Protein backbone atom coordinates (compact mmCIF):
# COMPACT_ATOMS: atom_id res chain seq x y z
CA MET A 1 -37.62 9.80 -11.05
CA SER A 2 -35.04 11.50 -13.31
CA ALA A 3 -34.56 14.39 -10.76
CA ASN A 4 -33.89 11.89 -7.90
CA TYR A 5 -31.34 10.14 -9.98
CA SER A 6 -29.58 13.46 -10.88
CA LYS A 7 -29.37 14.40 -7.21
CA ARG A 8 -27.89 11.27 -6.22
CA PHE A 9 -25.34 11.30 -9.11
CA VAL A 10 -24.21 14.84 -8.03
CA ALA A 11 -24.04 13.88 -4.38
CA ALA A 12 -22.07 10.76 -5.08
CA TYR A 13 -19.74 12.60 -7.54
CA PHE A 14 -19.16 15.35 -5.06
CA SER A 15 -18.20 12.85 -2.27
CA ALA A 16 -15.89 11.17 -4.50
CA ALA A 17 -14.12 14.31 -5.46
CA CYS A 18 -13.89 15.24 -1.96
CA LEU A 19 -12.32 11.81 -1.11
CA VAL A 20 -9.76 12.08 -3.94
CA MET A 21 -8.61 15.73 -2.67
CA ILE A 22 -8.20 14.26 0.97
CA LEU A 23 -6.26 11.38 0.03
CA ALA A 24 -3.91 13.53 -2.32
CA GLY A 25 -3.34 15.97 0.47
CA LEU A 26 -2.43 13.13 2.84
CA GLN A 27 0.23 11.55 0.58
CA PRO A 28 3.95 12.11 1.88
CA GLY A 29 6.51 14.32 0.53
CA ALA A 30 10.08 13.64 -0.35
CA GLU A 31 11.47 13.65 3.37
CA GLY A 32 10.34 13.66 6.84
CA ARG A 33 8.15 11.57 9.07
CA VAL A 34 5.45 9.62 7.70
CA ALA A 35 2.82 7.40 9.46
CA VAL A 36 2.55 3.72 8.04
CA PHE A 37 -0.86 2.15 8.48
CA ALA A 38 -1.10 -1.79 8.23
CA SER A 39 -4.20 -3.51 7.58
CA PRO A 40 -5.46 -6.10 10.01
CA TRP A 41 -4.77 -9.15 7.79
CA SER A 42 -1.12 -8.16 7.03
CA ALA A 43 1.92 -7.92 9.32
CA SER A 44 2.05 -4.98 11.87
CA ALA A 45 3.15 -1.59 10.91
CA SER A 46 6.49 -1.76 12.64
CA GLU A 47 7.21 -5.29 10.72
CA ILE A 48 6.33 -3.50 7.53
CA VAL A 49 8.66 -0.67 8.34
CA ALA A 50 11.49 -3.14 9.24
CA MET A 51 11.00 -5.11 6.11
CA ALA A 52 11.32 -1.93 4.06
CA GLY A 53 14.72 -1.06 5.72
CA GLY A 54 13.45 1.91 7.89
CA GLN A 55 13.89 2.81 11.53
CA ILE A 56 10.74 3.03 13.76
CA VAL A 57 10.01 6.37 15.50
CA SER A 58 6.87 5.57 17.31
CA THR A 59 4.16 2.92 17.19
CA ASP A 60 0.64 2.62 18.71
CA SER A 61 -0.50 -0.18 20.96
CA SER A 62 -2.46 -1.95 18.55
CA GLY A 63 0.58 -2.23 16.07
CA TRP A 64 -1.54 -0.91 13.08
CA ILE A 65 0.23 2.31 12.87
CA ALA A 66 3.89 3.23 12.97
CA VAL A 67 5.82 6.48 12.46
CA THR A 68 9.18 6.27 10.64
CA GLU A 69 11.61 8.67 8.75
CA THR A 70 11.77 8.76 4.89
CA GLY A 71 15.54 9.04 4.30
CA SER A 72 16.08 7.72 0.67
CA ASP A 73 14.26 7.85 -2.66
CA GLY A 74 11.73 4.99 -3.05
CA PHE A 75 11.42 4.38 0.57
CA VAL A 76 7.52 5.00 0.38
CA GLY A 77 7.44 2.51 -2.50
CA ARG A 78 9.42 -0.17 -0.40
CA LEU A 79 6.76 0.41 2.35
CA TYR A 80 3.94 -0.27 0.07
CA ALA A 81 5.92 -3.32 -1.38
CA SER A 82 6.27 -4.36 2.12
CA GLY A 83 2.66 -4.61 2.80
CA ALA A 84 1.62 -1.01 4.05
CA SER A 85 -2.14 -0.38 3.23
CA PHE A 86 -1.57 3.38 3.48
CA VAL A 87 1.50 5.77 3.90
CA ALA A 88 0.50 9.32 5.10
CA SER A 89 2.23 12.61 5.16
CA SER A 90 4.20 13.98 8.17
CA ILE A 91 1.15 16.01 9.28
CA VAL A 92 -0.75 12.79 9.82
CA ALA A 93 2.25 11.36 11.36
CA GLN A 94 2.45 14.18 13.90
CA ALA A 95 -1.22 13.58 14.75
CA CYS A 96 -0.56 9.88 15.23
CA VAL A 97 2.34 10.56 17.48
CA GLY A 98 0.10 12.80 19.45
CA ILE A 99 -2.10 9.80 19.93
CA THR A 100 0.58 7.11 20.45
CA GLY A 101 3.10 9.27 22.46
CA SER A 102 6.00 11.50 21.92
CA PHE A 103 8.68 11.32 19.19
CA GLY A 104 11.32 8.70 20.16
CA GLU A 105 9.09 7.15 22.70
CA ARG A 106 7.75 3.70 21.73
CA LYS A 107 4.51 2.58 23.39
CA LEU A 108 3.58 -1.01 23.70
């Protein structure tokens, strides 16, 4: 019984450590494009960007993902304060734009 518990603990610990590393790697830097993810029960991602004082580069058709430029200090914090559930780095933003369209093009 003890060996089963140990194996589950090690597997859970390893999974949690991997998740933390992935989330840390997705955090945005100081400047550049970021992907803003909205939750289904909040405002749309484009509304969150607008409330934070940013400009929308691209959005997806569902309205849950928007790409924006981080121009000033504290902008990512303002995005979270405006209701963003997650703000990801420019690498993720480029991947999202590949799904939603090219930079500068807004798909609805």
